[in-house]
C-alpha atoms as a PDB file:
ATOM      1  CA  MET A   1      19.752  11.279   7.669  1.00  0.00           C
ATOM      2  CA  LYS A   2      17.280  10.266  10.337  1.00  0.00           C
ATOM      3  CA  SER A   3      14.394  11.922   8.472  1.00  0.00           C
ATOM      4  CA  SER A   4      15.169  10.051   5.273  1.00  0.00           C
ATOM      5  CA  ARG A   5      15.162   6.797   7.245  1.00  0.00           C
ATOM      6  CA  ILE A   6      11.789   7.617   8.661  1.00  0.00           C
ATOM      7  CA  THR A   7      10.523   8.583   5.238  1.00  0.00           C
ATOM      8  CA  ALA A   8      11.808   5.285   3.881  1.00  0.00           C
ATOM      9  CA  VAL A   9      10.050   3.244   6.633  1.00  0.00           C
ATOM     10  CA  VAL A  10       6.808   5.189   6.118  1.00  0.00           C
ATOM     11  CA  THR A  11       7.069   4.589   2.464  1.00  0.00           C
ATOM     12  CA  VAL A  12       7.529   0.846   2.925  1.00  0.00           C
ATOM     13  CA  LEU A  13       4.616   0.623   5.251  1.00  0.00           C
ATOM     14  CA  ALA A  14       2.503   2.655   2.829  1.00  0.00           C
ATOM     15  CA  ILE A  15       3.433   0.407  -0.018  1.00  0.00           C
ATOM     16  CA  THR A  16       2.628  -2.641   2.039  1.00  0.00           C
ATOM     17  CA  LEU A  17      -0.706  -1.199   3.104  1.00  0.00           C
ATOM     18  CA  ALA A  18      -1.623  -0.191  -0.466  1.00  0.00           C
ATOM     19  CA  ALA A  19      -0.666  -3.684  -1.723  1.00  0.00           C
ATOM     20  CA  ALA A  20      -2.598  -5.288   1.097  1.00  0.00           C
ATOM     21  CA  LEU A  21      -5.675  -3.272   0.377  1.00  0.00           C
ATOM     22  CA  ALA A  22      -5.460  -3.604  -3.350  1.00  0.00           C
ATOM     23  CA  LEU A  23      -5.030  -7.290  -3.127  1.00  0.00           C
ATOM     24  CA  SER A  24      -7.872  -7.602  -0.615  1.00  0.00           C
ATOM     25  CA  GLN A  25     -10.153  -5.973  -3.241  1.00  0.00           C
ATOM     26  CA  THR A  26      -9.115  -8.000  -6.236  1.00  0.00           C
ATOM     27  CA  VAL A  27      -8.039 -11.565  -5.064  1.00  0.00           C
ATOM     28  CA  LYS A  28     -10.624 -14.068  -4.170  1.00  0.00           C
ATOM     29  CA  PRO A  29     -10.757 -14.657  -0.407  1.00  0.00           C
ATOM     30  CA  ALA A  30      -9.899 -18.332  -0.915  1.00  0.00           C
ATOM     31  CA  HIS A  31      -6.473 -17.236  -2.189  1.00  0.00           C
ATOM     32  CA  MET A  32      -5.674 -15.031   0.733  1.00  0.00           C
ATOM     33  CA  HIS A  33      -4.227 -15.922   4.110  1.00  0.00           C
ATOM     34  CA  GLY A  34      -6.615 -15.046   6.930  1.00  0.00           C
ATOM     35  CA  ASP A  35      -8.521 -11.740   6.430  1.00  0.00           C
ATOM     36  CA  GLY A  36      -6.772 -10.617   3.195  1.00  0.00           C
ATOM     37  CA  MET A  37      -3.329  -9.097   3.593  1.00  0.00           C
ATOM     38  CA  PHE A  38      -4.466  -7.835   6.959  1.00  0.00           C
ATOM     39  CA  GLY A  39      -4.343 -11.378   8.114  1.00  0.00           C
ATOM     40  CA  GLU A  40      -1.980 -13.711   9.504  1.00  0.00           C
ATOM     41  CA  HIS A  41       0.373 -13.895   6.558  1.00  0.00           C
ATOM     42  CA  MET A  42       1.603 -10.235   6.515  1.00  0.00           C
ATOM     43  CA  MET A  43       1.384  -9.874  10.224  1.00  0.00           C
ATOM     44  CA  GLY A  44       3.407 -13.089  10.630  1.00  0.00           C
ATOM     45  CA  PHE A  45       6.110 -11.904   8.403  1.00  0.00           C
ATOM     46  CA  PHE A  46       6.580  -8.535  10.077  1.00  0.00           C
ATOM     47  CA  ALA A  47       6.063 -10.046  13.611  1.00  0.00           C
ATOM     48  CA  ASP A  48       8.915 -12.468  12.859  1.00  0.00           C
ATOM     49  CA  TYR A  49      11.093  -9.997  10.962  1.00  0.00           C
ATOM     50  CA  LEU A  50      10.769  -7.187  13.529  1.00  0.00           C
ATOM     51  CA  ASN A  51      10.288  -9.544  16.501  1.00  0.00           C
ATOM     52  CA  LEU A  52       7.097  -7.763  17.484  1.00  0.00           C
ATOM     53  CA  THR A  53       5.756  -8.412  20.866  1.00  0.00           C
ATOM     54  CA  ASP A  54       2.171  -9.715  21.342  1.00  0.00           C
ATOM     55  CA  ALA A  55       1.142  -6.236  22.451  1.00  0.00           C
ATOM     56  CA  GLN A  56       2.715  -4.563  19.384  1.00  0.00           C
ATOM     57  CA  GLN A  57       0.965  -7.091  17.147  1.00  0.00           C
ATOM     58  CA  THR A  58      -2.362  -6.334  18.797  1.00  0.00           C
ATOM     59  CA  GLN A  59      -1.840  -2.585  18.421  1.00  0.00           C
ATOM     60  CA  ILE A  60      -0.944  -2.884  14.742  1.00  0.00           C
ATOM     61  CA  LYS A  61      -3.958  -5.151  14.066  1.00  0.00           C
ATOM     62  CA  GLN A  62      -6.167  -2.663  15.872  1.00  0.00           C
ATOM     63  CA  ILE A  63      -4.857   0.213  13.683  1.00  0.00           C
ATOM     64  CA  MET A  64      -5.389  -1.785  10.522  1.00  0.00           C
ATOM     65  CA  ASP A  65      -8.851  -2.883  11.561  1.00  0.00           C
ATOM     66  CA  LYS A  66      -9.789   0.640  12.477  1.00  0.00           C
ATOM     67  CA  GLU A  67      -8.610   2.080   9.151  1.00  0.00           C
ATOM     68  CA  LYS A  68     -10.102  -0.450   6.803  1.00  0.00           C
ATOM     69  CA  SER A  69     -13.338   1.599   6.832  1.00  0.00           C
ATOM     70  CA  THR A  70     -11.355   4.699   5.713  1.00  0.00           C
ATOM     71  CA  ILE A  71      -9.332   3.092   3.001  1.00  0.00           C
ATOM     72  CA  HIS A  72     -11.875   0.656   1.598  1.00  0.00           C
ATOM     73  CA  PRO A  73     -14.078   3.403   0.021  1.00  0.00           C
ATOM     74  CA  LEU A  74     -11.097   4.910  -1.603  1.00  0.00           C
ATOM     75  CA  PHE A  75     -10.082   1.628  -3.263  1.00  0.00           C
ATOM     76  CA  GLN A  76     -13.638   1.221  -4.413  1.00  0.00           C
ATOM     77  CA  GLN A  77     -13.498   4.681  -6.005  1.00  0.00           C
ATOM     78  CA  MET A  78     -10.256   3.795  -7.742  1.00  0.00           C
ATOM     79  CA  GLY A  79     -11.742   0.557  -9.043  1.00  0.00           C
ATOM     80  CA  GLN A  80     -14.790   2.409 -10.351  1.00  0.00           C
ATOM     81  CA  SER A  81     -12.720   5.029 -12.161  1.00  0.00           C
ATOM     82  CA  HIS A  82     -10.457   2.366 -13.576  1.00  0.00           C
ATOM     83  CA  GLN A  83     -13.536   0.569 -14.875  1.00  0.00           C
ATOM     84  CA  ALA A  84     -14.934   3.743 -16.286  1.00  0.00           C
ATOM     85  CA  MET A  85     -11.624   4.460 -18.182  1.00  0.00           C
ATOM     86  CA  ARG A  86     -11.615   0.941 -19.531  1.00  0.00           C
ATOM     87  CA  GLN A  87     -15.156   1.281 -20.668  1.00  0.00           C
ATOM     88  CA  LEU A  88     -14.253   4.606 -22.427  1.00  0.00           C
ATOM     89  CA  VAL A  89     -11.254   2.960 -24.110  1.00  0.00           C
ATOM     90  CA  GLN A  90     -13.385   0.000 -25.320  1.00  0.00           C
ATOM     91  CA  SER A  91     -16.300   2.186 -26.439  1.00  0.00           C
ATOM     92  CA  GLY A  92     -14.861   2.658 -29.940  1.00  0.00           C
ATOM     93  CA  THR A  93     -14.880   6.429 -29.719  1.00  0.00           C
ATOM     94  CA  PHE A  94     -12.366   8.274 -27.633  1.00  0.00           C
ATOM     95  CA  ASP A  95     -13.704  11.290 -25.664  1.00  0.00           C
ATOM     96  CA  GLU A  96     -10.596  13.152 -24.394  1.00  0.00           C
ATOM     97  CA  ALA A  97     -12.598  15.356 -22.125  1.00  0.00           C
ATOM     98  CA  LYS A  98     -14.207  12.393 -20.442  1.00  0.00           C
ATOM     99  CA  ALA A  99     -10.832  10.706 -20.116  1.00  0.00           C
ATOM    100  CA  ARG A 100      -9.413  13.851 -18.438  1.00  0.00           C
ATOM    101  CA  GLU A 101     -12.430  13.950 -16.102  1.00  0.00           C
ATOM    102  CA  ILE A 102     -11.841  10.350 -15.067  1.00  0.00           C
ATOM    103  CA  ALA A 103      -8.106  10.797 -14.726  1.00  0.00           C
ATOM    104  CA  THR A 104      -8.663  13.923 -12.576  1.00  0.00           C
ATOM    105  CA  GLN A 105     -10.981  11.978 -10.293  1.00  0.00           C
ATOM    106  CA  GLN A 106      -8.391   9.179 -10.023  1.00  0.00           C
ATOM    107  CA  ALA A 107      -5.698  11.663  -9.175  1.00  0.00           C
ATOM    108  CA  GLN A 108      -7.854  13.151  -6.402  1.00  0.00           C
ATOM    109  CA  THR A 109      -8.654   9.760  -5.026  1.00  0.00           C
ATOM    110  CA  MET A 110      -4.959   8.826  -5.182  1.00  0.00           C
ATOM    111  CA  ILE A 111      -4.062  11.950  -3.270  1.00  0.00           C
ATOM    112  CA  GLU A 112      -6.477  11.056  -0.538  1.00  0.00           C
ATOM    113  CA  MET A 113      -5.249   7.470  -0.455  1.00  0.00           C
ATOM    114  CA  GLU A 114      -1.590   8.647  -0.053  1.00  0.00           C
ATOM    115  CA  VAL A 115      -2.516  11.023   2.735  1.00  0.00           C
ATOM    116  CA  GLN A 116      -4.541   8.350   4.609  1.00  0.00           C
ATOM    117  CA  LYS A 117      -1.795   5.789   4.066  1.00  0.00           C
ATOM    118  CA  ALA A 118       0.802   8.176   5.491  1.00  0.00           C
ATOM    119  CA  ARG A 119      -1.322   8.778   8.518  1.00  0.00           C
ATOM    120  CA  ILE A 120      -1.923   5.104   9.125  1.00  0.00           C
ATOM    121  CA  GLU A 121       1.753   4.197   8.638  1.00  0.00           C
ATOM    122  CA  SER A 122       2.815   6.944  10.976  1.00  0.00           C
ATOM    123  CA  GLU A 123       0.468   5.425  13.618  1.00  0.00           C
ATOM    124  CA  MET A 124       1.916   2.008  12.971  1.00  0.00           C
ATOM    125  CA  PHE A 125       5.528   3.196  13.032  1.00  0.00           C
ATOM    126  CA  GLN A 126       4.919   4.693  16.470  1.00  0.00           C
ATOM    127  CA  VAL A 127       4.281   1.190  17.840  1.00  0.00           C
ATOM    128  CA  LEU A 128       7.822   0.066  16.999  1.00  0.00           C
ATOM    129  CA  THR A 129      10.850   0.364  19.279  1.00  0.00           C
ATOM    130  CA  PRO A 130      13.933   2.277  18.075  1.00  0.00           C
ATOM    131  CA  ASP A 131      15.659  -0.983  17.161  1.00  0.00           C
ATOM    132  CA  GLN A 132      12.620  -2.193  15.227  1.00  0.00           C
ATOM    133  CA  LYS A 133      12.375   1.162  13.353  1.00  0.00           C
ATOM    134  CA  SER A 134      16.021   0.921  12.398  1.00  0.00           C
ATOM    135  CA  LYS A 135      15.515  -2.721  11.149  1.00  0.00           C
ATOM    136  CA  MET A 136      12.487  -1.595   9.190  1.00  0.00           C
ATOM    137  CA  VAL A 137      14.321   1.323   7.653  1.00  0.00           C
ATOM    138  CA  ASP A 138      17.120  -1.133   6.561  1.00  0.00           C
ATOM    139  CA  PHE A 139      14.567  -3.484   5.131  1.00  0.00           C
ATOM    140  CA  MET A 140      12.886  -0.621   3.177  1.00  0.00           C
ATOM    141  CA  ASN A 141      16.214   0.719   1.904  1.00  0.00           C
ATOM    142  CA  ARG A 142      17.157  -2.657   0.577  1.00  0.00           C
ATOM    143  CA  ARG A 143      13.781  -3.046  -1.028  1.00  0.00           C
ATOM    144  CA  GLN A 144      14.103   0.439  -2.590  1.00  0.00           C
ATOM    145  CA  GLU A 145      17.510  -0.419  -3.925  1.00  0.00           C
ATOM    146  CA  ARG A 146      16.197  -3.575  -5.600  1.00  0.00           C
ATOM    147  CA  PHE A 147      13.342  -1.596  -7.017  1.00  0.00           C
ATOM    148  CA  MET A 148      15.663   1.094  -8.423  1.00  0.00           C
ATOM    149  CA  LYS A 149      18.067  -1.527  -9.892  1.00  0.00           C
ATOM    150  CA  HIS A 150      15.159  -3.339 -11.498  1.00  0.00           C
ATOM    151  CA  SER A 151      13.662  -0.131 -12.926  1.00  0.00           C
ATOM    152  CA  GLN A 152      16.996   0.909 -14.476  1.00  0.00           C
ATOM    153  CA  GLU A 153      17.469  -2.372 -16.323  1.00  0.00           C
ATOM    154  CA  PRO A 154      16.845  -2.118 -20.027  1.00  0.00           C
ATOM    155  CA  PRO A 155      13.888  -4.101 -21.331  1.00  0.00           C
ATOM    156  CA  ALA A 156      14.568  -7.642 -22.560  1.00  0.00           C
ATOM    157  CA  GLN A 157      15.059  -7.911 -26.252  1.00  0.00           C
ATOM    158  CA  ASN A 158      13.025 -10.596 -28.168  1.00  0.00           C
END
């Protein structure tokens, strides 16, 4: 039971980190709060929700700042492969071998991203107190339930 809670927390943190990094690469800085999703907006939400101390906020910010240089190139690689696939689709002739090559590269990059996210989230999770970890697990479980409920709903009929 405890390992499933830890897994849920790590998953939530990973999703949050992935979304933050993805948004920081695709959204114009003028539309972001602070330094992308690593800025004040997300930190503020989790600081309030988990009642993070100033020391915890500093530690988490240090982890995120330190890891940007690891994750950023992976997002660039994903963007490049996405663009290559889009160009292939729009080229007018479909080359299945090329599509498989691009997809294989995307899969390898995604694996590396997931491993790095898990490592980063583990570091961030260690900053939390047992009560904060429990609260984060509950938050993630509710979020997962909403996601599962939404994904099971049949598509709207026109």
